[in-house]
Amino acid sequence: MVRAGRTTLRDVAEAAGVSVATCSYVLSGRADRTTPLPEATRKRVESAAQKLGYKGNTAARSLRRQRSELIAIVYAPPVGPWLDRLTWECEDVAAAHGYSVIGVPVRRLDRAAQSLRVITRGHVDGAIFTPGLSDDLDLTAARRSTRALMAFSDGLRMPGADVVRNNVRTALMEATSYLIDAGRERIAFLSHTGAPEDRYLGYVDAHRRAGRDVDPNLVRVGAASREDAVLVVRELLDSPSPPDAVVSESDRGAFAALQAAVDRGVKVPDDLAVIGTGNTREATYSQPPLTSVGMHQLDFTEMVEALFARIDDPALPARELFMPWVLNHRASA
């Protein structure tokens, strides 16, 4: 006899003759058990749920498909226009597949495991790891617990995971070499964290190729914050040997460099060339328009469709999608 009122998970479990934990596992659509449940048990739970009218917070279609109908975008704050565009396009494609999109911020690597529990516990069908994360995280648990995983990385190789290659290091090397070839002698670099990531390594590669040493006094942390970047670039411009060019790991830091140049009466690009990273839409209408390294057009449709193809068939061969970054020339450099 079922109690009066709304059917609960316990009602379904009792009707199916299983534990509440087993009932929850089946109805959540998860598939992350080392030993899969017997098919007869799964069908018994689904049949009991349908007979009792239990749907929880998911549609009947989700129950039948054994899916959560959620995908996650994993990112490292602070966010910017690049991530906005990726999110919008994910929402559009997801809606066409009957899915929703959630964001998973990973602000500190030492707390990443806690942040990623929504993925490692199987609550999403797919996950996209944005640039700068997959190379610093162990994605093994996430790959095992989701139907589909996609990561932006120029170095990651993981069986069953799709990877987007941007050739970041090469692109930043070419951007810095462009400044060197144009006669710039003191090229500063604005870093996000100070760690030697691909963007900084490209900057170093260009100096080595030109037979130059990198001046550590010109490498500063500040690209993650406009406020920090303004202060850092002002300090550089006030120094006895100011830079004649700035390369920033983000457009955010480059916009701040433009502001700092105005504050100090420095002409861009005559006295100071500025190059950002990301090629955000704001770069086209800053003053002056910002030269920026990034995808020529921010179109993520192909990669999001590839994620859904793997959700539908996790056995598909792993794919490499090439979306190379290029130097988009504008008036700031």
Protein backbone atom coordinates (compact mmCIF):
# COMPACT_ATOMS: atom_id res chain seq x y z
CA MET A 1 0.00 0.00 0.00
CA VAL A 2 1.43 3.38 -1.06
CA ARG A 3 1.06 6.25 1.40
CA ALA A 4 -1.34 9.06 0.50
CA GLY A 5 0.20 12.15 -1.06
CA ARG A 6 3.20 12.55 -3.34
CA THR A 7 5.03 9.34 -4.23
CA THR A 8 8.48 9.29 -2.67
CA LEU A 9 11.72 7.56 -3.55
CA ARG A 10 11.19 5.21 -0.60
CA ASP A 11 7.78 4.19 -2.01
CA VAL A 12 9.42 3.22 -5.31
CA ALA A 13 12.21 1.35 -3.54
CA GLU A 14 9.74 -0.66 -1.46
CA ALA A 15 7.64 -1.48 -4.52
CA ALA A 16 10.71 -2.64 -6.44
CA GLY A 17 12.17 -4.56 -3.51
CA VAL A 18 15.47 -2.67 -3.50
CA SER A 19 17.25 -0.24 -1.22
CA VAL A 20 16.64 3.51 -1.44
CA ALA A 21 20.28 3.93 -2.53
CA THR A 22 19.82 1.49 -5.42
CA CYS A 23 16.57 3.17 -6.40
CA SER A 24 18.24 6.60 -6.37
CA TYR A 25 21.14 5.30 -8.46
CA VAL A 26 18.84 3.91 -11.15
CA LEU A 27 16.51 6.91 -11.33
CA SER A 28 19.39 9.43 -11.46
CA GLY A 29 20.59 7.81 -14.69
CA ARG A 30 24.10 7.27 -13.34
CA ALA A 31 26.50 4.74 -14.85
CA ASP A 32 29.62 5.10 -12.68
CA ARG A 33 29.51 1.82 -10.73
CA THR A 34 32.50 -0.48 -11.03
CA THR A 35 30.05 -3.43 -11.18
CA PRO A 36 26.91 -2.45 -13.16
CA LEU A 37 23.51 -3.26 -11.69
CA PRO A 38 21.73 -6.29 -13.14
CA GLU A 39 19.45 -5.22 -15.97
CA ALA A 40 16.51 -6.96 -14.26
CA THR A 41 16.99 -4.78 -11.17
CA ARG A 42 17.15 -1.63 -13.25
CA LYS A 43 13.97 -2.50 -15.16
CA ARG A 44 12.15 -3.40 -11.92
CA VAL A 45 12.94 0.03 -10.45
CA GLU A 46 11.95 1.87 -13.62
CA SER A 47 8.69 -0.11 -13.87
CA ALA A 48 7.82 0.64 -10.23
CA ALA A 49 8.54 4.34 -10.72
CA GLN A 50 6.31 4.52 -13.79
CA LYS A 51 3.45 2.61 -12.15
CA LEU A 52 3.55 4.82 -9.08
CA GLY A 53 3.85 8.00 -11.14
CA TYR A 54 7.21 8.92 -9.62
CA LYS A 55 9.22 11.33 -11.71
CA GLY A 56 11.14 13.28 -9.11
CA ASN A 57 12.62 16.41 -10.65
CA THR A 58 13.29 14.87 -14.06
CA ALA A 59 11.12 14.20 -17.07
CA ALA A 60 10.04 10.68 -18.03
CA ARG A 61 12.27 10.86 -21.07
CA SER A 62 15.30 11.30 -18.83
CA LEU A 63 14.24 8.23 -16.88
CA ARG A 64 13.92 6.13 -20.03
CA ARG A 65 17.21 7.34 -21.49
CA GLN A 66 19.09 6.91 -18.18
CA ARG A 67 20.59 10.37 -18.62
CA SER A 68 20.85 13.41 -16.38
CA GLU A 69 20.36 15.67 -19.42
CA LEU A 70 22.96 18.06 -18.03
CA ILE A 71 26.36 19.10 -19.32
CA ALA A 72 28.92 21.05 -17.31
CA ILE A 73 31.35 23.79 -18.30
CA VAL A 74 34.34 23.76 -15.95
CA TYR A 75 36.21 27.06 -15.76
CA ALA A 76 38.68 29.00 -13.65
CA PRO A 77 37.41 32.43 -12.49
CA PRO A 78 37.56 35.29 -13.29
CA VAL A 79 35.41 34.82 -16.36
CA GLY A 80 35.35 36.95 -19.49
CA PRO A 81 33.66 37.39 -22.87
CA TRP A 82 35.36 34.27 -24.28
CA LEU A 83 33.61 32.06 -21.72
CA ASP A 84 30.34 33.96 -22.23
CA ARG A 85 30.39 33.07 -25.92
CA LEU A 86 31.17 29.41 -25.22
CA THR A 87 28.34 29.26 -22.68
CA TRP A 88 25.80 30.83 -25.05
CA GLU A 89 26.63 28.42 -27.85
CA CYS A 90 26.55 25.46 -25.45
CA GLU A 91 23.10 26.53 -24.30
CA ASP A 92 21.84 26.76 -27.88
CA VAL A 93 23.15 23.34 -28.89
CA ALA A 94 22.12 21.76 -25.58
CA ALA A 95 18.56 23.05 -25.91
CA ALA A 96 18.30 21.40 -29.33
CA HIS A 97 19.25 18.11 -27.67
CA GLY A 98 16.89 18.58 -24.72
CA TYR A 99 19.73 19.36 -22.33
CA SER A 100 20.65 22.09 -19.84
CA VAL A 101 24.05 23.62 -19.04
CA ILE A 102 25.58 24.21 -15.61
CA GLY A 103 28.80 26.03 -14.71
CA VAL A 104 31.42 24.54 -12.38
CA PRO A 105 33.98 27.11 -11.17
CA VAL A 106 37.38 25.84 -10.02
CA ARG A 107 39.00 28.81 -8.32
CA ARG A 108 41.63 26.88 -6.34
CA LEU A 109 43.37 23.70 -7.50
CA ASP A 110 43.68 22.42 -3.94
CA ARG A 111 39.87 22.34 -3.74
CA ALA A 112 39.32 21.01 -7.26
CA ALA A 113 38.19 17.54 -6.14
CA GLN A 114 35.38 19.08 -4.10
CA SER A 115 34.38 21.41 -6.94
CA LEU A 116 34.29 18.54 -9.43
CA ARG A 117 32.07 16.21 -7.38
CA VAL A 118 29.10 17.06 -9.58
CA ILE A 119 31.08 15.40 -12.39
CA THR A 120 32.94 12.62 -10.58
CA ARG A 121 29.70 11.44 -8.93
CA GLY A 122 28.03 11.07 -12.30
CA HIS A 123 25.50 13.90 -12.08
CA VAL A 124 26.23 15.18 -15.62
CA ASP A 125 26.36 13.39 -18.96
CA GLY A 126 29.22 15.46 -20.34
CA ALA A 127 31.76 18.07 -19.32
CA ILE A 128 33.87 20.67 -21.09
CA PHE A 129 37.11 21.79 -19.40
CA THR A 130 38.14 25.26 -20.55
CA PRO A 131 41.77 26.26 -21.26
CA GLY A 132 44.30 26.16 -18.46
CA LEU A 133 42.52 23.52 -16.36
CA SER A 134 42.96 20.11 -17.94
CA ASP A 135 46.77 20.27 -17.81
CA ASP A 136 46.71 20.93 -14.06
CA LEU A 137 43.99 18.45 -13.04
CA ASP A 138 43.74 14.68 -12.96
CA LEU A 139 40.70 14.04 -15.15
CA THR A 140 40.66 10.26 -14.70
CA ALA A 141 37.70 10.22 -12.31
CA ALA A 142 35.77 12.71 -14.43
CA ARG A 143 36.32 10.65 -17.56
CA ARG A 144 35.22 7.46 -15.80
CA SER A 145 32.04 9.04 -14.40
CA THR A 146 30.69 10.86 -17.47
CA ARG A 147 29.56 9.69 -20.86
CA ALA A 148 31.58 12.40 -22.61
CA LEU A 149 34.52 14.61 -21.68
CA MET A 150 36.08 17.37 -23.78
CA ALA A 151 39.07 19.50 -22.83
CA PHE A 152 40.92 22.45 -24.30
CA SER A 153 44.57 21.41 -24.18
CA ASP A 154 47.59 21.29 -26.45
CA GLY A 155 49.18 18.48 -24.43
CA LEU A 156 46.44 16.25 -22.97
CA ARG A 157 46.06 12.75 -24.36
CA MET A 158 43.43 10.64 -22.62
CA PRO A 159 41.67 7.56 -24.05
CA GLY A 160 38.01 8.27 -24.72
CA ALA A 161 38.30 12.05 -24.28
CA ASP A 162 37.96 14.59 -27.06
CA VAL A 163 40.54 17.38 -27.10
CA VAL A 164 40.49 20.85 -28.65
CA ARG A 165 43.94 21.98 -29.79
CA ASN A 166 44.57 25.74 -30.02
CA ASN A 167 48.37 25.70 -30.59
CA VAL A 168 48.64 28.37 -27.89
CA ARG A 169 52.40 28.29 -27.39
CA THR A 170 53.10 28.65 -31.11
CA ALA A 171 50.60 31.51 -31.43
CA LEU A 172 52.15 33.49 -28.56
CA MET A 173 55.62 32.88 -29.96
CA GLU A 174 54.55 34.29 -33.32
CA ALA A 175 52.90 37.31 -31.67
CA THR A 176 56.03 38.12 -29.66
CA SER A 177 58.24 37.54 -32.72
CA TYR A 178 56.08 40.03 -34.60
CA LEU A 179 56.97 42.67 -32.01
CA ILE A 180 60.66 41.75 -32.11
CA ASP A 181 60.71 41.94 -35.91
CA ALA A 182 59.04 45.35 -35.68
CA GLY A 183 62.02 46.62 -33.66
CA ARG A 184 60.62 46.43 -30.12
CA GLU A 185 63.49 46.06 -27.66
CA ARG A 186 61.83 45.71 -24.23
CA ILE A 187 58.72 43.54 -24.36
CA ALA A 188 56.88 43.07 -21.06
CA PHE A 189 54.68 40.07 -20.28
CA LEU A 190 51.58 40.16 -18.06
CA SER A 191 50.94 36.74 -16.53
CA HIS A 192 47.84 35.34 -14.80
CA THR A 193 49.60 33.51 -11.99
CA GLY A 194 53.33 33.60 -12.65
CA ALA A 195 53.39 29.86 -13.46
CA PRO A 196 55.21 28.93 -16.71
CA GLU A 197 52.16 28.10 -18.83
CA ASP A 198 52.02 27.77 -22.63
CA ARG A 199 51.41 31.48 -23.21
CA TYR A 200 54.47 32.51 -21.26
CA LEU A 201 56.55 29.73 -22.84
CA GLY A 202 55.65 31.06 -26.30
CA TYR A 203 56.90 34.49 -25.22
CA VAL A 204 60.15 32.87 -24.06
CA ASP A 205 60.47 30.87 -27.30
CA ALA A 206 60.33 34.06 -29.36
CA HIS A 207 63.13 35.65 -27.35
CA ARG A 208 65.31 32.57 -27.66
CA ARG A 209 64.70 32.37 -31.39
CA ALA A 210 65.88 36.00 -31.67
CA GLY A 211 68.94 35.30 -29.52
CA ARG A 212 67.62 37.42 -26.64
CA ASP A 213 67.38 36.83 -22.91
CA VAL A 214 64.10 37.41 -21.13
CA ASP A 215 64.37 40.28 -18.65
CA PRO A 216 62.69 38.99 -15.44
CA ASN A 217 61.90 42.58 -14.45
CA LEU A 218 59.54 42.77 -17.42
CA VAL A 219 57.54 39.66 -16.46
CA ARG A 220 54.77 40.57 -14.03
CA VAL A 221 51.59 39.02 -12.59
CA GLY A 222 48.47 41.05 -13.34
CA ALA A 223 46.62 39.75 -16.39
CA ALA A 224 43.74 38.29 -14.37
CA SER A 225 42.58 41.65 -13.02
CA ARG A 226 42.20 45.03 -14.70
CA GLU A 227 42.95 46.75 -11.42
CA ASP A 228 46.18 44.80 -10.90
CA ALA A 229 47.22 45.20 -14.53
CA VAL A 230 46.77 48.98 -14.45
CA LEU A 231 48.99 49.26 -11.39
CA VAL A 232 51.63 46.90 -12.81
CA VAL A 233 51.84 48.66 -16.19
CA ARG A 234 51.95 52.10 -14.56
CA GLU A 235 54.87 50.87 -12.47
CA LEU A 236 56.63 49.53 -15.57
CA LEU A 237 56.09 52.77 -17.47
CA ASP A 238 57.44 54.77 -14.53
CA SER A 239 60.62 52.68 -14.31
CA PRO A 240 64.01 53.97 -15.57
CA SER A 241 63.85 51.47 -18.48
CA PRO A 242 60.18 51.26 -19.45
CA PRO A 243 58.90 48.65 -21.91
CA ASP A 244 58.12 49.56 -25.50
CA ALA A 245 55.64 46.67 -25.84
CA VAL A 246 53.33 44.58 -23.64
CA VAL A 247 52.02 41.08 -24.26
CA SER A 248 49.21 40.06 -21.90
CA GLU A 249 47.88 36.57 -21.16
CA SER A 250 44.39 38.06 -21.46
CA ASP A 251 42.59 40.83 -23.29
CA ARG A 252 41.54 42.02 -19.83
CA GLY A 253 45.14 42.81 -18.92
CA ALA A 254 45.78 44.38 -22.34
CA PHE A 255 42.85 46.77 -21.96
CA ALA A 256 44.29 47.81 -18.62
CA ALA A 257 47.65 48.40 -20.31
CA LEU A 258 45.94 50.75 -22.77
CA GLN A 259 44.41 52.62 -19.84
CA ALA A 260 47.76 52.84 -18.02
CA ALA A 261 49.38 54.23 -21.18
CA VAL A 262 46.76 57.00 -21.31
CA ASP A 263 47.33 57.73 -17.62
CA ARG A 264 51.06 58.20 -18.23
CA GLY A 265 50.76 60.08 -21.52
CA VAL A 266 52.35 57.24 -23.49
CA LYS A 267 51.25 56.93 -27.12
CA VAL A 268 49.95 53.58 -28.38
CA PRO A 269 51.36 52.10 -30.56
CA ASP A 270 54.13 54.66 -31.23
CA ASP A 271 55.72 54.41 -27.78
CA LEU A 272 54.04 51.24 -26.51
CA ALA A 273 52.64 48.36 -28.57
CA VAL A 274 50.03 46.23 -26.80
CA ILE A 275 48.89 42.69 -27.62
CA GLY A 276 46.22 40.78 -25.70
CA THR A 277 45.06 37.17 -25.68
CA GLY A 278 41.53 35.89 -26.31
CA ASN A 279 40.42 38.00 -29.28
CA THR A 280 37.25 39.04 -27.48
CA ARG A 281 34.65 41.17 -29.18
CA GLU A 282 35.64 44.15 -27.00
CA ALA A 283 39.03 44.13 -28.73
CA THR A 284 37.44 45.45 -31.92
CA TYR A 285 36.05 48.60 -30.30
CA SER A 286 38.59 49.46 -27.60
CA GLN A 287 40.55 52.68 -28.11
CA PRO A 288 42.68 51.99 -30.01
CA PRO A 289 41.36 48.63 -31.26
CA LEU A 290 43.37 45.86 -29.61
CA THR A 291 45.66 43.48 -31.46
CA SER A 292 44.91 40.09 -29.91
CA VAL A 293 45.91 36.43 -30.17
CA GLY A 294 43.02 33.98 -30.32
CA MET A 295 40.56 32.17 -32.55
CA HIS A 296 39.78 34.34 -35.55
CA GLN A 297 36.08 33.74 -34.96
CA LEU A 298 34.58 32.51 -31.71
CA ASP A 299 32.49 29.61 -33.02
CA PHE A 300 32.27 26.57 -30.77
CA THR A 301 29.38 24.80 -32.49
CA GLU A 302 31.47 21.97 -33.97
CA MET A 303 33.06 21.03 -30.65
CA VAL A 304 29.79 21.12 -28.71
CA GLU A 305 28.13 18.89 -31.31
CA ALA A 306 31.10 16.51 -30.96
CA LEU A 307 30.43 16.37 -27.21
CA PHE A 308 26.83 15.36 -27.82
CA ALA A 309 27.88 12.78 -30.39
CA ARG A 310 29.97 11.13 -27.67
CA ILE A 311 27.12 11.38 -25.15
CA ASP A 312 25.01 9.40 -27.63
CA ASP A 313 27.83 6.92 -28.30
CA PRO A 314 30.62 6.84 -25.67
CA ALA A 315 32.46 4.19 -27.71
CA LEU A 316 33.30 6.65 -30.51
CA PRO A 317 37.05 7.04 -31.20
CA ALA A 318 38.61 10.03 -29.46
CA ARG A 319 38.74 13.16 -31.62
CA GLU A 320 41.20 16.02 -31.91
CA LEU A 321 39.58 19.27 -32.99
CA PHE A 322 41.98 21.94 -34.24
CA MET A 323 40.94 25.53 -33.59
CA PRO A 324 44.28 27.36 -33.96
CA TRP A 325 44.91 30.74 -32.42
CA VAL A 326 46.22 33.45 -34.74
CA LEU A 327 47.42 37.03 -34.37
CA ASN A 328 44.53 39.34 -35.16
CA HIS A 329 46.13 42.64 -36.22
CA ARG A 330 44.60 45.93 -35.05
CA ALA A 331 45.83 49.41 -34.25
CA SER A 332 47.35 48.76 -30.79
CA ALA A 333 50.32 46.96 -32.36
